[in-house]
Structure formats: structure tokens, C-alpha cells
């Protein structure tokens, strides 16, 4: 573990910022930033939809290997 030294003024500034951030995060309603806990079956749905078929994969690989990629 490394030890750093800062002035009391710098420490007080950091402490005030941390307190402010903590208050802001506590005041934000959960509905503003909903968090979904994914079940294993839900994750499988994401992974299934996150795959390329072989035709698309081949086209992308050919484009990446060519010098004239146009978007």
C-alpha cells in the first residue's frame, strides 16, 4: 500500500466533495436510474441476440481485411 500526503485544505475539499456526492446519490430516486438484476435465463436471451450469423460475420471480416472500407 502506498501512502500519500496532502494538505489539510486539500483533505477538507475532498471530504466536502465526497459528502456532496453522497448526498446527491442518496437523493436520486431509484426510478430515475432503474437497475435490473438479470436472471440467468434473461442473460441467455441477451447472448442469443448478440450473435452474428455466418453471412454477416464473413462480410465484416472481408471488409476489415480490405483497404477500401466505406460506411
Protein backbone atom coordinates (compact mmCIF):
# COMPACT_ATOMS: atom_id res chain seq x y z
CA UNK A 1 0.00 0.00 0.00
CA UNK A 2 1.28 3.45 -0.91
CA UNK A 3 0.84 6.42 1.39
CA UNK A 4 0.26 9.89 0.03
CA UNK A 5 0.41 13.18 1.88
CA UNK A 6 -1.96 16.04 1.19
CA UNK A 7 -2.54 19.32 2.95
CA UNK A 8 -5.38 19.76 5.43
CA UNK A 9 -7.04 22.17 2.98
CA UNK A 10 -6.94 19.56 0.18
CA UNK A 11 -8.29 16.94 2.58
CA UNK A 12 -11.18 19.18 3.62
CA UNK A 13 -12.01 19.88 -0.04
CA UNK A 14 -12.06 16.17 -0.84
CA UNK A 15 -14.19 15.46 2.21
CA UNK A 16 -16.72 18.15 1.23
CA UNK A 17 -16.90 16.78 -2.31
CA UNK A 18 -17.41 13.23 -1.07
CA UNK A 19 -20.18 14.38 1.24
CA UNK A 20 -21.84 16.31 -1.58
CA UNK A 21 -21.65 13.36 -3.98
CA UNK A 22 -23.04 11.07 -1.30
CA UNK A 23 -25.99 13.41 -0.69
CA UNK A 24 -26.69 13.71 -4.42
CA UNK A 25 -26.65 9.95 -4.92
CA UNK A 26 -28.94 9.40 -1.92
CA UNK A 27 -31.41 12.00 -3.20
CA UNK A 28 -31.76 10.47 -6.67
CA UNK A 29 -34.89 8.41 -6.91
CA UNK A 30 -34.46 4.80 -7.95
CA UNK A 31 -36.95 5.30 -10.77
CA UNK A 32 -34.60 7.77 -12.45
CA UNK A 33 -31.88 5.16 -12.87
CA UNK A 34 -33.60 1.78 -12.68
CA UNK A 35 -31.31 -1.16 -12.16
CA UNK A 36 -32.36 -4.55 -13.42
CA UNK A 37 -30.93 -7.68 -11.88
CA UNK A 38 -30.61 -10.17 -14.72
CA UNK A 39 -31.55 -13.77 -14.16
CA UNK A 40 -29.56 -16.49 -15.92
CA UNK A 41 -32.41 -17.00 -18.40
CA UNK A 42 -32.51 -13.25 -19.19
CA UNK A 43 -28.76 -13.26 -19.78
CA UNK A 44 -29.15 -16.16 -22.20
CA UNK A 45 -31.65 -14.04 -24.16
CA UNK A 46 -29.11 -11.22 -24.44
CA UNK A 47 -26.31 -13.56 -25.51
CA UNK A 48 -28.56 -15.24 -28.07
CA UNK A 49 -29.43 -11.90 -29.63
CA UNK A 50 -25.82 -10.77 -29.56
CA UNK A 51 -24.56 -13.20 -32.18
CA UNK A 52 -23.88 -12.64 -35.85
CA UNK A 53 -24.90 -15.15 -38.44
CA UNK A 54 -22.12 -16.53 -40.62
CA UNK A 55 -23.05 -14.39 -43.67
CA UNK A 56 -22.76 -11.13 -41.75
CA UNK A 57 -19.60 -12.29 -39.99
CA UNK A 58 -17.95 -13.16 -43.33
CA UNK A 59 -18.90 -9.81 -44.87
CA UNK A 60 -17.49 -7.92 -41.90
CA UNK A 61 -14.26 -9.90 -41.97
CA UNK A 62 -13.83 -9.24 -45.70
CA UNK A 63 -14.45 -5.53 -45.21
CA UNK A 64 -11.98 -5.34 -42.36
CA UNK A 65 -9.32 -7.04 -44.46
CA UNK A 66 -9.86 -4.78 -47.46
CA UNK A 67 -8.33 -1.34 -47.87
CA UNK A 68 -11.46 0.35 -49.13
CA UNK A 69 -13.92 0.37 -46.27
CA UNK A 70 -16.82 2.72 -46.91
CA UNK A 71 -19.58 3.41 -44.44
